Full PDB file with SEQRES, HELIX, SHEET, SSBOND, CRYST1, ORIGX, SCALE, CONECT and MASTER records, all heavy atoms in Angstrom:
SEQRES   1 A   31  PRO LYS ILE GLU HIS GLU SER GLU GLU LEU GLY SER TYR          
SEQRES   2 A   31  ASN GLU GLY CYS LEU SER ILE PRO GLY ILE THR GLU GLU          
SEQRES   3 A   31  ILE LEU ARG PRO LYS                                          
SHEET    1 AA1 2 LEU A  10  CYS A  17  0                                        
SHEET    2 AA1 2 ILE A  20  PRO A  30 -1                                        
CRYST1    1.000    1.000    1.000  90.00  90.00  90.00 P 1           1          
ORIGX1      1.000000  0.000000  0.000000        0.00000                         
ORIGX2      0.000000  1.000000  0.000000        0.00000                         
ORIGX3      0.000000  0.000000  1.000000        0.00000                         
SCALE1      1.000000  0.000000  0.000000        0.00000                         
SCALE2      0.000000  1.000000  0.000000        0.00000                         
SCALE3      0.000000  0.000000  1.000000        0.00000                         
ATOM      1  N   PRO A   1       0.801  -1.235   0.000  1.00  0.00           N  
ATOM      2  CA  PRO A   1       0.000   0.000   0.000  1.00  0.00           C  
ATOM      3  C   PRO A   1       0.830   1.281   0.000  1.00  0.00           C  
ATOM      4  O   PRO A   1       1.953   1.313   0.511  1.00  0.00           O  
ATOM      5  CB  PRO A   1      -0.781  -0.109   1.315  1.00  0.00           C  
ATOM      6  CG  PRO A   1       0.124  -0.887   2.202  1.00  0.00           C  
ATOM      7  CD  PRO A   1       0.806  -1.892   1.308  1.00  0.00           C  
ATOM      8  N   LYS A   2       0.223   2.318  -0.582  1.00  0.00           N  
ATOM      9  CA  LYS A   2       0.800   3.662  -0.557  1.00  0.00           C  
ATOM     10  C   LYS A   2      -0.344   4.653  -0.401  1.00  0.00           C  
ATOM     11  O   LYS A   2      -1.418   4.470  -0.965  1.00  0.00           O  
ATOM     12  CB  LYS A   2       1.538   3.970  -1.859  1.00  0.00           C  
ATOM     13  CG  LYS A   2       2.803   3.174  -2.056  1.00  0.00           C  
ATOM     14  CD  LYS A   2       3.513   3.590  -3.316  1.00  0.00           C  
ATOM     15  CE  LYS A   2       4.786   2.808  -3.449  1.00  0.00           C  
ATOM     16  NZ  LYS A   2       4.971   2.159  -4.709  1.00  0.00           N  
ATOM     17  N   ILE A   3      -0.085   5.710   0.346  1.00  0.00           N  
ATOM     18  CA  ILE A   3      -1.038   6.810   0.428  1.00  0.00           C  
ATOM     19  C   ILE A   3      -0.614   7.836  -0.610  1.00  0.00           C  
ATOM     20  O   ILE A   3       0.515   8.325  -0.582  1.00  0.00           O  
ATOM     21  CB  ILE A   3      -1.052   7.430   1.842  1.00  0.00           C  
ATOM     22  CG1 ILE A   3      -1.554   6.400   2.862  1.00  0.00           C  
ATOM     23  CG2 ILE A   3      -1.928   8.682   1.870  1.00  0.00           C  
ATOM     24  CD1 ILE A   3      -1.503   6.860   4.308  1.00  0.00           C  
ATOM     25  N   GLU A   4      -1.519   8.136  -1.545  1.00  0.00           N  
ATOM     26  CA  GLU A   4      -1.203   9.106  -2.600  1.00  0.00           C  
ATOM     27  C   GLU A   4      -1.566  10.524  -2.197  1.00  0.00           C  
ATOM     28  O   GLU A   4      -0.961  11.476  -2.662  1.00  0.00           O  
ATOM     29  CB  GLU A   4      -1.929   8.729  -3.891  1.00  0.00           C  
ATOM     30  CG  GLU A   4      -1.410   7.446  -4.497  1.00  0.00           C  
ATOM     31  CD  GLU A   4      -1.952   7.211  -5.888  1.00  0.00           C  
ATOM     32  OE1 GLU A   4      -3.182   7.363  -6.092  1.00  0.00           O  
ATOM     33  OE2 GLU A   4      -1.149   6.879  -6.774  1.00  0.00           O  
ATOM     34  N   HIS A   5      -2.598  10.649  -1.360  1.00  0.00           N  
ATOM     35  CA  HIS A   5      -3.020  11.983  -0.913  1.00  0.00           C  
ATOM     36  C   HIS A   5      -3.684  11.850   0.454  1.00  0.00           C  
ATOM     37  O   HIS A   5      -4.379  10.884   0.717  1.00  0.00           O  
ATOM     38  CB  HIS A   5      -4.003  12.605  -1.910  1.00  0.00           C  
ATOM     39  CG  HIS A   5      -4.480  13.961  -1.485  1.00  0.00           C  
ATOM     40  ND1 HIS A   5      -3.694  15.081  -1.588  1.00  0.00           N  
ATOM     41  CD2 HIS A   5      -5.637  14.352  -0.927  1.00  0.00           C  
ATOM     42  CE1 HIS A   5      -4.369  16.117  -1.097  1.00  0.00           C  
ATOM     43  NE2 HIS A   5      -5.552  15.699  -0.693  1.00  0.00           N  
ATOM     44  N   GLU A   6      -3.425  12.834   1.309  1.00  0.00           N  
ATOM     45  CA  GLU A   6      -4.102  12.864   2.602  1.00  0.00           C  
ATOM     46  C   GLU A   6      -4.636  14.266   2.833  1.00  0.00           C  
ATOM     47  O   GLU A   6      -4.027  15.258   2.431  1.00  0.00           O  
ATOM     48  CB  GLU A   6      -3.179  12.418   3.736  1.00  0.00           C  
ATOM     49  CG  GLU A   6      -1.822  13.057   3.748  1.00  0.00           C  
ATOM     50  CD  GLU A   6      -0.876  12.397   4.741  1.00  0.00           C  
ATOM     51  OE1 GLU A   6      -0.792  11.165   4.786  1.00  0.00           O  
ATOM     52  OE2 GLU A   6      -0.214  13.165   5.467  1.00  0.00           O  
ATOM     53  N   SER A   7      -5.803  14.337   3.437  1.00  0.00           N  
ATOM     54  CA  SER A   7      -6.449  15.624   3.685  1.00  0.00           C  
ATOM     55  C   SER A   7      -5.672  16.407   4.744  1.00  0.00           C  
ATOM     56  O   SER A   7      -5.000  15.830   5.599  1.00  0.00           O  
ATOM     57  CB  SER A   7      -7.893  15.416   4.152  1.00  0.00           C  
ATOM     58  OG  SER A   7      -7.921  14.784   5.420  1.00  0.00           O  
ATOM     59  N   GLU A   8      -5.788  17.720   4.664  1.00  0.00           N  
ATOM     60  CA  GLU A   8      -5.196  18.558   5.705  1.00  0.00           C  
ATOM     61  C   GLU A   8      -6.021  18.452   6.979  1.00  0.00           C  
ATOM     62  O   GLU A   8      -5.486  18.561   8.084  1.00  0.00           O  
ATOM     63  CB  GLU A   8      -5.120  20.011   5.240  1.00  0.00           C  
ATOM     64  CG  GLU A   8      -4.061  20.231   4.173  1.00  0.00           C  
ATOM     65  CD  GLU A   8      -3.921  21.690   3.783  1.00  0.00           C  
ATOM     66  OE1 GLU A   8      -4.192  22.568   4.624  1.00  0.00           O  
ATOM     67  OE2 GLU A   8      -3.537  21.931   2.620  1.00  0.00           O  
ATOM     68  N   GLU A   9      -7.328  18.206   6.808  1.00  0.00           N  
ATOM     69  CA  GLU A   9      -8.196  18.057   7.969  1.00  0.00           C  
ATOM     70  C   GLU A   9      -7.840  16.763   8.708  1.00  0.00           C  
ATOM     71  O   GLU A   9      -7.663  15.708   8.099  1.00  0.00           O  
ATOM     72  CB  GLU A   9      -9.661  18.012   7.539  1.00  0.00           C  
ATOM     73  CG  GLU A   9     -10.618  17.907   8.692  1.00  0.00           C  
ATOM     74  CD  GLU A   9     -12.070  17.775   8.253  1.00  0.00           C  
ATOM     75  OE1 GLU A   9     -12.356  17.763   7.039  1.00  0.00           O  
ATOM     76  OE2 GLU A   9     -12.921  17.670   9.149  1.00  0.00           O  
ATOM     77  N   LEU A  10      -7.728  16.875  10.022  1.00  0.00           N  
ATOM     78  CA  LEU A  10      -7.379  15.716  10.839  1.00  0.00           C  
ATOM     79  C   LEU A  10      -8.611  15.146  11.525  1.00  0.00           C  
ATOM     80  O   LEU A  10      -9.560  15.866  11.797  1.00  0.00           O  
ATOM     81  CB  LEU A  10      -6.339  16.108  11.900  1.00  0.00           C  
ATOM     82  CG  LEU A  10      -5.010  16.645  11.383  1.00  0.00           C  
ATOM     83  CD1 LEU A  10      -4.103  17.036  12.545  1.00  0.00           C  
ATOM     84  CD2 LEU A  10      -4.318  15.637  10.478  1.00  0.00           C  
ATOM     85  N   GLY A  11      -8.563  13.871  11.770  1.00  0.00           N  
ATOM     86  CA  GLY A  11      -9.602  13.209  12.537  1.00  0.00           C  
ATOM     87  C   GLY A  11      -8.957  12.554  13.747  1.00  0.00           C  
ATOM     88  O   GLY A  11      -7.802  12.143  13.699  1.00  0.00           O  
ATOM     89  N   SER A  12      -9.711  12.464  14.816  1.00  0.00           N  
ATOM     90  CA  SER A  12      -9.204  11.886  16.053  1.00  0.00           C  
ATOM     91  C   SER A  12      -9.932  10.580  16.319  1.00  0.00           C  
ATOM     92  O   SER A  12     -11.149  10.496  16.151  1.00  0.00           O  
ATOM     93  CB  SER A  12      -9.446  12.887  17.196  1.00  0.00           C  
ATOM     94  OG  SER A  12      -9.077  12.319  18.414  1.00  0.00           O  
ATOM     95  N   TYR A  13      -9.183   9.568  16.720  1.00  0.00           N  
ATOM     96  CA  TYR A  13      -9.805   8.285  17.019  1.00  0.00           C  
ATOM     97  C   TYR A  13      -9.073   7.653  18.195  1.00  0.00           C  
ATOM     98  O   TYR A  13      -7.854   7.734  18.300  1.00  0.00           O  
ATOM     99  CB  TYR A  13      -9.746   7.360  15.794  1.00  0.00           C  
ATOM    100  CG  TYR A  13     -10.731   6.231  15.893  1.00  0.00           C  
ATOM    101  CD1 TYR A  13     -12.068   6.409  15.560  1.00  0.00           C  
ATOM    102  CD2 TYR A  13     -10.338   4.981  16.348  1.00  0.00           C  
ATOM    103  CE1 TYR A  13     -12.980   5.374  15.682  1.00  0.00           C  
ATOM    104  CE2 TYR A  13     -11.243   3.938  16.473  1.00  0.00           C  
ATOM    105  CZ  TYR A  13     -12.563   4.154  16.136  1.00  0.00           C  
ATOM    106  OH  TYR A  13     -13.474   3.124  16.260  1.00  0.00           O  
ATOM    107  N   ASN A  14      -9.807   7.016  19.072  1.00  0.00           N  
ATOM    108  CA  ASN A  14      -9.233   6.327  20.214  1.00  0.00           C  
ATOM    109  C   ASN A  14      -8.729   4.965  19.726  1.00  0.00           C  
ATOM    110  O   ASN A  14      -9.504   4.021  19.623  1.00  0.00           O  
ATOM    111  CB  ASN A  14     -10.280   6.182  21.326  1.00  0.00           C  
ATOM    112  CG  ASN A  14      -9.671   5.832  22.649  1.00  0.00           C  
ATOM    113  OD1 ASN A  14      -8.514   6.166  22.915  1.00  0.00           O  
ATOM    114  ND2 ASN A  14     -10.420   5.164  23.488  1.00  0.00           N  
ATOM    115  N   GLU A  15      -7.438   4.893  19.414  1.00  0.00           N  
ATOM    116  CA  GLU A  15      -6.870   3.694  18.802  1.00  0.00           C  
ATOM    117  C   GLU A  15      -6.347   2.714  19.830  1.00  0.00           C  
ATOM    118  O   GLU A  15      -5.854   3.101  20.884  1.00  0.00           O  
ATOM    119  CB  GLU A  15      -5.706   4.070  17.860  1.00  0.00           C  
ATOM    120  CG  GLU A  15      -6.145   4.803  16.626  1.00  0.00           C  
ATOM    121  CD  GLU A  15      -5.010   5.036  15.644  1.00  0.00           C  
ATOM    122  OE1 GLU A  15      -4.124   4.161  15.498  1.00  0.00           O  
ATOM    123  OE2 GLU A  15      -5.015   6.107  15.012  1.00  0.00           O  
ATOM    124  N   GLY A  16      -6.439   1.462  19.466  1.00  0.00           N  
ATOM    125  CA  GLY A  16      -5.827   0.382  20.216  1.00  0.00           C  
ATOM    126  C   GLY A  16      -5.088  -0.498  19.225  1.00  0.00           C  
ATOM    127  O   GLY A  16      -5.101  -0.239  18.025  1.00  0.00           O  
ATOM    128  N   CYS A  17      -4.427  -1.526  19.723  1.00  0.00           N  
ATOM    129  CA  CYS A  17      -3.648  -2.390  18.839  1.00  0.00           C  
ATOM    130  C   CYS A  17      -3.602  -3.790  19.424  1.00  0.00           C  
ATOM    131  O   CYS A  17      -3.394  -3.954  20.631  1.00  0.00           O  
ATOM    132  CB  CYS A  17      -2.235  -1.821  18.686  1.00  0.00           C  
ATOM    133  SG  CYS A  17      -1.172  -2.794  17.611  1.00  0.00           S  
ATOM    134  N   LEU A  18      -3.776  -4.791  18.575  1.00  0.00           N  
ATOM    135  CA  LEU A  18      -3.732  -6.176  19.036  1.00  0.00           C  
ATOM    136  C   LEU A  18      -2.351  -6.555  19.568  1.00  0.00           C  
ATOM    137  O   LEU A  18      -2.225  -7.491  20.355  1.00  0.00           O  
ATOM    138  CB  LEU A  18      -4.147  -7.126  17.909  1.00  0.00           C  
ATOM    139  CG  LEU A  18      -5.596  -6.967  17.437  1.00  0.00           C  
ATOM    140  CD1 LEU A  18      -5.861  -7.835  16.220  1.00  0.00           C  
ATOM    141  CD2 LEU A  18      -6.577  -7.272  18.556  1.00  0.00           C  
ATOM    142  N   SER A  19      -1.307  -5.820  19.185  1.00  0.00           N  
ATOM    143  CA  SER A  19       0.045  -6.065  19.683  1.00  0.00           C  
ATOM    144  C   SER A  19       0.352  -5.284  20.956  1.00  0.00           C  
ATOM    145  O   SER A  19       1.419  -5.442  21.538  1.00  0.00           O  
ATOM    146  CB  SER A  19       1.084  -5.722  18.609  1.00  0.00           C  
ATOM    147  OG  SER A  19       1.003  -6.641  17.543  1.00  0.00           O  
ATOM    148  N   ILE A  20      -0.575  -4.414  21.347  1.00  0.00           N  
ATOM    149  CA  ILE A  20      -0.420  -3.624  22.570  1.00  0.00           C  
ATOM    150  C   ILE A  20      -1.743  -3.711  23.335  1.00  0.00           C  
ATOM    151  O   ILE A  20      -2.483  -2.746  23.447  1.00  0.00           O  
ATOM    152  CB  ILE A  20      -0.046  -2.156  22.250  1.00  0.00           C  
ATOM    153  CG1 ILE A  20       1.147  -2.092  21.304  1.00  0.00           C  
ATOM    154  CG2 ILE A  20       0.252  -1.382  23.533  1.00  0.00           C  
ATOM    155  CD1 ILE A  20       1.525  -0.686  20.864  1.00  0.00           C  
ATOM    156  N   PRO A  21      -2.064  -4.899  23.845  1.00  0.00           N  
ATOM    157  CA  PRO A  21      -3.375  -5.093  24.475  1.00  0.00           C  
ATOM    158  C   PRO A  21      -3.565  -4.219  25.715  1.00  0.00           C  
ATOM    159  O   PRO A  21      -2.628  -3.952  26.458  1.00  0.00           O  
ATOM    160  CB  PRO A  21      -3.384  -6.577  24.835  1.00  0.00           C  
ATOM    161  CG  PRO A  21      -1.961  -7.002  24.833  1.00  0.00           C  
ATOM    162  CD  PRO A  21      -1.239  -6.098  23.890  1.00  0.00           C  
ATOM    163  N   GLY A  22      -4.802  -3.768  25.876  1.00  0.00           N  
ATOM    164  CA  GLY A  22      -5.159  -3.018  27.070  1.00  0.00           C  
ATOM    165  C   GLY A  22      -4.808  -1.543  27.048  1.00  0.00           C  
ATOM    166  O   GLY A  22      -5.071  -0.828  28.003  1.00  0.00           O  
ATOM    167  N   ILE A  23      -4.217  -1.062  25.972  1.00  0.00           N  
ATOM    168  CA  ILE A  23      -3.824   0.349  25.871  1.00  0.00           C  
ATOM    169  C   ILE A  23      -4.598   0.985  24.716  1.00  0.00           C  
ATOM    170  O   ILE A  23      -4.602   0.464  23.601  1.00  0.00           O  
ATOM    171  CB  ILE A  23      -2.310   0.506  25.579  1.00  0.00           C  
ATOM    172  CG1 ILE A  23      -1.457  -0.226  26.609  1.00  0.00           C  
ATOM    173  CG2 ILE A  23      -1.921   1.966  25.441  1.00  0.00           C  
ATOM    174  CD1 ILE A  23      -1.243   0.480  27.903  1.00  0.00           C  
ATOM    175  N   THR A  24      -5.258   2.079  24.977  1.00  0.00           N  
ATOM    176  CA  THR A  24      -5.873   2.875  23.911  1.00  0.00           C  
ATOM    177  C   THR A  24      -5.493   4.329  24.145  1.00  0.00           C  
ATOM    178  O   THR A  24      -5.353   4.764  25.282  1.00  0.00           O  
ATOM    179  CB  THR A  24      -7.411   2.746  23.883  1.00  0.00           C  
ATOM    180  OG1 THR A  24      -7.936   3.164  25.134  1.00  0.00           O  
ATOM    181  CG2 THR A  24      -7.847   1.324  23.572  1.00  0.00           C  
ATOM    182  N   GLU A  25      -5.306   5.048  23.057  1.00  0.00           N  
ATOM    183  CA  GLU A  25      -4.945   6.461  23.125  1.00  0.00           C  
ATOM    184  C   GLU A  25      -5.592   7.197  21.959  1.00  0.00           C  
ATOM    185  O   GLU A  25      -5.764   6.635  20.873  1.00  0.00           O  
ATOM    186  CB  GLU A  25      -3.422   6.655  23.060  1.00  0.00           C  
ATOM    187  CG  GLU A  25      -2.665   6.136  24.266  1.00  0.00           C  
ATOM    188  CD  GLU A  25      -2.925   6.929  25.534  1.00  0.00           C  
ATOM    189  OE1 GLU A  25      -3.277   8.121  25.447  1.00  0.00           O  
ATOM    190  OE2 GLU A  25      -2.775   6.345  26.622  1.00  0.00           O  
ATOM    191  N   GLU A  26      -5.919   8.445  22.198  1.00  0.00           N  
ATOM    192  CA  GLU A  26      -6.481   9.307  21.163  1.00  0.00           C  
ATOM    193  C   GLU A  26      -5.349   9.708  20.208  1.00  0.00           C  
ATOM    194  O   GLU A  26      -4.340  10.269  20.631  1.00  0.00           O  
ATOM    195  CB  GLU A  26      -7.080  10.557  21.835  1.00  0.00           C  
ATOM    196  CG  GLU A  26      -8.113  11.255  21.020  1.00  0.00           C  
ATOM    197  CD  GLU A  26      -9.432  10.492  20.911  1.00  0.00           C  
ATOM    198  OE1 GLU A  26      -9.770   9.681  21.788  1.00  0.00           O  
ATOM    199  OE2 GLU A  26     -10.117  10.734  19.907  1.00  0.00           O  
ATOM    200  N   ILE A  27      -5.515   9.392  18.922  1.00  0.00           N  
ATOM    201  CA  ILE A  27      -4.485   9.668  17.914  1.00  0.00           C  
ATOM    202  C   ILE A  27      -5.093  10.535  16.816  1.00  0.00           C  
ATOM    203  O   ILE A  27      -6.192  10.264  16.339  1.00  0.00           O  
ATOM    204  CB  ILE A  27      -3.948   8.350  17.291  1.00  0.00           C  
ATOM    205  CG1 ILE A  27      -3.418   7.394  18.369  1.00  0.00           C  
ATOM    206  CG2 ILE A  27      -2.889   8.635  16.232  1.00  0.00           C  
ATOM    207  CD1 ILE A  27      -2.208   7.858  19.129  1.00  0.00           C  
ATOM    208  N   LEU A  28      -4.363  11.564  16.410  1.00  0.00           N  
ATOM    209  CA  LEU A  28      -4.772  12.427  15.292  1.00  0.00           C  
ATOM    210  C   LEU A  28      -4.117  11.941  14.011  1.00  0.00           C  
ATOM    211  O   LEU A  28      -2.899  11.712  13.989  1.00  0.00           O  
ATOM    212  CB  LEU A  28      -4.327  13.867  15.545  1.00  0.00           C  
ATOM    213  CG  LEU A  28      -5.189  14.729  16.444  1.00  0.00           C  
ATOM    214  CD1 LEU A  28      -4.516  16.076  16.662  1.00  0.00           C  
ATOM    215  CD2 LEU A  28      -6.566  14.920  15.851  1.00  0.00           C  
ATOM    216  N   ARG A  29      -4.911  11.788  12.960  1.00  0.00           N  
ATOM    217  CA  ARG A  29      -4.403  11.388  11.641  1.00  0.00           C  
ATOM    218  C   ARG A  29      -5.205  12.137  10.581  1.00  0.00           C  
ATOM    219  O   ARG A  29      -6.304  12.606  10.858  1.00  0.00           O  
ATOM    220  CB  ARG A  29      -4.590   9.887  11.419  1.00  0.00           C  
ATOM    221  CG  ARG A  29      -3.810   8.991  12.371  1.00  0.00           C  
ATOM    222  CD  ARG A  29      -4.054   7.530  11.979  1.00  0.00           C  
ATOM    223  NE  ARG A  29      -3.466   6.576  12.885  1.00  0.00           N  
ATOM    224  CZ  ARG A  29      -2.252   6.051  12.766  1.00  0.00           C  
ATOM    225  NH1 ARG A  29      -1.486   6.425  11.760  1.00  0.00           N  
ATOM    226  NH2 ARG A  29      -1.811   5.158  13.632  1.00  0.00           N  
ATOM    227  N   PRO A  30      -4.679  12.190   9.352  1.00  0.00           N  
ATOM    228  CA  PRO A  30      -5.482  12.776   8.274  1.00  0.00           C  
ATOM    229  C   PRO A  30      -6.842  12.081   8.202  1.00  0.00           C  
ATOM    230  O   PRO A  30      -6.933  10.854   8.279  1.00  0.00           O  
ATOM    231  CB  PRO A  30      -4.644  12.510   7.028  1.00  0.00           C  
ATOM    232  CG  PRO A  30      -3.237  12.475   7.545  1.00  0.00           C  
ATOM    233  CD  PRO A  30      -3.347  11.811   8.892  1.00  0.00           C  
ATOM    234  N   LYS A  31      -7.886  12.888   8.058  1.00  0.00           N  
ATOM    235  CA  LYS A  31      -9.261  12.361   8.087  1.00  0.00           C  
ATOM    236  C   LYS A  31      -9.608  11.561   6.838  1.00  0.00           C  
ATOM    237  O   LYS A  31     -10.264  10.532   6.906  1.00  0.00           O  
ATOM    238  CB  LYS A  31     -10.235  13.528   8.254  1.00  0.00           C  
ATOM    239  CG  LYS A  31     -11.653  13.093   8.448  1.00  0.00           C  
ATOM    240  CD  LYS A  31     -12.557  14.245   8.781  1.00  0.00           C  
ATOM    241  CE  LYS A  31     -13.932  13.678   8.868  1.00  0.00           C  
ATOM    242  NZ  LYS A  31     -14.929  14.292   9.494  1.00  0.00           N  
TER     243      LYS A  31                                                      
MASTER        0    0    0    0    2    0    0    6  242    1    0    3          
END                                                                             
């Protein structure tokens, strides 16, 4: 995969990860 374009507007999501169980954090990424 490659990202060809990302918006300037950011979205926030409470992310978790199967490799980091029990931890979630609010992360900002292109929306």
